[in-house]
C-alpha cells in the first residue's frame, strides 16, 4: 500500500514539475507585438476572403472593393499590402 502512495506522489510531482518547466520557458508577448500579430492575422483573413470572392465568380472590382473595406486601417495601398503601418 505504501509503495502505491509513493508512486502516486512521485507521479504527481513529476507532472507538476513538467508543467512548471513549460511555463518557465514561455516568454510574455508584449502588447505591441500582440497587436502586430492580430493585425497580420486580420490582413491574412481579408486576403483569404478576397480569394474566395474571386473564386466564387464575382467581379474583380467587387472583390477588391470588399478587400478595401476589410483592410481599412490595416494594410498599405489600394490592395491592402501585406505590410503594416509603423
C-alpha atoms as a PDB file:
ATOM      1  CA  UNK A   1       0.000   0.000   0.000  1.00  0.00           C
ATOM      2  CA  UNK A   2       2.811   2.426   0.890  1.00  0.00           C
ATOM      3  CA  UNK A   3       4.501   1.695  -2.440  1.00  0.00           C
ATOM      4  CA  UNK A   4       1.329   2.715  -4.286  1.00  0.00           C
ATOM      5  CA  UNK A   5       1.183   6.011  -2.384  1.00  0.00           C
ATOM      6  CA  UNK A   6       4.859   6.703  -3.075  1.00  0.00           C
ATOM      7  CA  UNK A   7       4.382   6.002  -6.780  1.00  0.00           C
ATOM      8  CA  UNK A   8       1.303   8.270  -6.874  1.00  0.00           C
ATOM      9  CA  UNK A   9       3.154  11.104  -5.119  1.00  0.00           C
ATOM     10  CA  UNK A  10       6.139  10.782  -7.457  1.00  0.00           C
ATOM     11  CA  UNK A  11       3.824  10.817 -10.488  1.00  0.00           C
ATOM     12  CA  UNK A  12       2.046  13.972  -9.288  1.00  0.00           C
ATOM     13  CA  UNK A  13       5.327  15.741  -8.565  1.00  0.00           C
ATOM     14  CA  UNK A  14       6.708  14.769 -11.966  1.00  0.00           C
ATOM     15  CA  UNK A  15       3.667  16.148 -13.782  1.00  0.00           C
ATOM     16  CA  UNK A  16       3.733  19.360 -11.757  1.00  0.00           C
ATOM     17  CA  UNK A  17       7.442  19.940 -12.359  1.00  0.00           C
ATOM     18  CA  UNK A  18       6.951  19.355 -16.094  1.00  0.00           C
ATOM     19  CA  UNK A  19       4.160  21.916 -16.210  1.00  0.00           C
ATOM     20  CA  UNK A  20       6.308  24.394 -14.289  1.00  0.00           C
ATOM     21  CA  UNK A  21       9.193  23.905 -16.718  1.00  0.00           C
ATOM     22  CA  UNK A  22       6.908  24.571 -19.683  1.00  0.00           C
ATOM     23  CA  UNK A  23       5.610  27.814 -18.146  1.00  0.00           C
ATOM     24  CA  UNK A  24       9.128  28.920 -17.272  1.00  0.00           C
ATOM     25  CA  UNK A  25      10.272  28.587 -20.910  1.00  0.00           C
ATOM     26  CA  UNK A  26       7.485  30.737 -22.342  1.00  0.00           C
ATOM     27  CA  UNK A  27       8.067  34.444 -22.698  1.00  0.00           C
ATOM     28  CA  UNK A  28       5.367  37.041 -22.191  1.00  0.00           C
ATOM     29  CA  UNK A  29       4.395  38.640 -25.510  1.00  0.00           C
ATOM     30  CA  UNK A  30       4.442  42.445 -25.259  1.00  0.00           C
ATOM     31  CA  UNK A  31       1.180  44.235 -26.090  1.00  0.00           C
ATOM     32  CA  UNK A  32       2.577  45.962 -29.212  1.00  0.00           C
ATOM     33  CA  UNK A  33       3.758  42.605 -30.598  1.00  0.00           C
ATOM     34  CA  UNK A  34       0.381  41.026 -29.831  1.00  0.00           C
ATOM     35  CA  UNK A  35      -1.283  43.920 -31.737  1.00  0.00           C
ATOM     36  CA  UNK A  36       1.044  43.338 -34.707  1.00  0.00           C
ATOM     37  CA  UNK A  37       0.198  39.637 -34.725  1.00  0.00           C
ATOM     38  CA  UNK A  38      -3.532  40.407 -34.613  1.00  0.00           C
ATOM     39  CA  UNK A  39      -3.176  42.917 -37.478  1.00  0.00           C
ATOM     40  CA  UNK A  40      -1.314  40.391 -39.633  1.00  0.00           C
ATOM     41  CA  UNK A  41      -3.983  37.782 -38.984  1.00  0.00           C
ATOM     42  CA  UNK A  42      -6.719  40.273 -39.874  1.00  0.00           C
ATOM     43  CA  UNK A  43      -4.914  41.157 -43.138  1.00  0.00           C
ATOM     44  CA  UNK A  44      -4.457  37.495 -43.963  1.00  0.00           C
ATOM     45  CA  UNK A  45      -8.149  36.835 -43.328  1.00  0.00           C
ATOM     46  CA  UNK A  46      -9.110  39.771 -45.571  1.00  0.00           C
ATOM     47  CA  UNK A  47      -6.903  38.418 -48.373  1.00  0.00           C
ATOM     48  CA  UNK A  48      -8.305  34.925 -47.932  1.00  0.00           C
ATOM     49  CA  UNK A  49     -11.831  36.324 -48.193  1.00  0.00           C
ATOM     50  CA  UNK A  50     -10.816  38.218 -51.344  1.00  0.00           C
ATOM     51  CA  UNK A  51      -9.504  34.978 -52.856  1.00  0.00           C
ATOM     52  CA  UNK A  52     -12.761  33.214 -52.006  1.00  0.00           C
ATOM     53  CA  UNK A  53     -14.690  36.098 -53.538  1.00  0.00           C
ATOM     54  CA  UNK A  54     -12.757  35.825 -56.800  1.00  0.00           C
ATOM     55  CA  UNK A  55     -13.156  32.043 -56.822  1.00  0.00           C
ATOM     56  CA  UNK A  56     -16.905  32.450 -56.458  1.00  0.00           C
ATOM     57  CA  UNK A  57     -17.024  34.233 -59.810  1.00  0.00           C
ATOM     58  CA  UNK A  58     -17.686  37.750 -58.539  1.00  0.00           C
ATOM     59  CA  UNK A  59     -16.020  40.581 -60.401  1.00  0.00           C
ATOM     60  CA  UNK A  60     -12.527  41.719 -59.514  1.00  0.00           C
ATOM     61  CA  UNK A  61     -13.925  45.188 -58.909  1.00  0.00           C
ATOM     62  CA  UNK A  62     -16.419  43.914 -56.318  1.00  0.00           C
ATOM     63  CA  UNK A  63     -13.862  41.698 -54.590  1.00  0.00           C
ATOM     64  CA  UNK A  64     -11.270  44.473 -54.409  1.00  0.00           C
ATOM     65  CA  UNK A  65     -13.890  46.861 -53.041  1.00  0.00           C
ATOM     66  CA  UNK A  66     -14.652  44.394 -50.254  1.00  0.00           C
ATOM     67  CA  UNK A  67     -10.938  43.880 -49.639  1.00  0.00           C
ATOM     68  CA  UNK A  68     -10.506  47.637 -49.248  1.00  0.00           C
ATOM     69  CA  UNK A  69     -13.307  47.704 -46.658  1.00  0.00           C
ATOM     70  CA  UNK A  70     -11.942  44.705 -44.767  1.00  0.00           C
ATOM     71  CA  UNK A  71      -8.416  46.150 -44.651  1.00  0.00           C
ATOM     72  CA  UNK A  72      -9.276  49.716 -43.772  1.00  0.00           C
ATOM     73  CA  UNK A  73      -6.667  50.856 -41.259  1.00  0.00           C
ATOM     74  CA  UNK A  74      -4.589  47.679 -41.525  1.00  0.00           C
ATOM     75  CA  UNK A  75      -2.736  47.405 -44.808  1.00  0.00           C
ATOM     76  CA  UNK A  76      -0.948  49.792 -47.100  1.00  0.00           C
ATOM     77  CA  UNK A  77      -2.069  50.804 -50.547  1.00  0.00           C
ATOM     78  CA  UNK A  78      -5.067  50.157 -52.718  1.00  0.00           C
ATOM     79  CA  UNK A  79      -4.988  46.365 -52.352  1.00  0.00           C
ATOM     80  CA  UNK A  80      -4.132  46.085 -48.651  1.00  0.00           C
ATOM     81  CA  UNK A  81      -0.425  45.343 -48.962  1.00  0.00           C
ATOM     82  CA  UNK A  82       0.819  42.796 -46.516  1.00  0.00           C
ATOM     83  CA  UNK A  83       2.823  45.426 -44.709  1.00  0.00           C
ATOM     84  CA  UNK A  84       1.753  47.106 -41.542  1.00  0.00           C
ATOM     85  CA  UNK A  85       1.862  50.693 -40.506  1.00  0.00           C
ATOM     86  CA  UNK A  86       4.605  51.906 -38.162  1.00  0.00           C
END
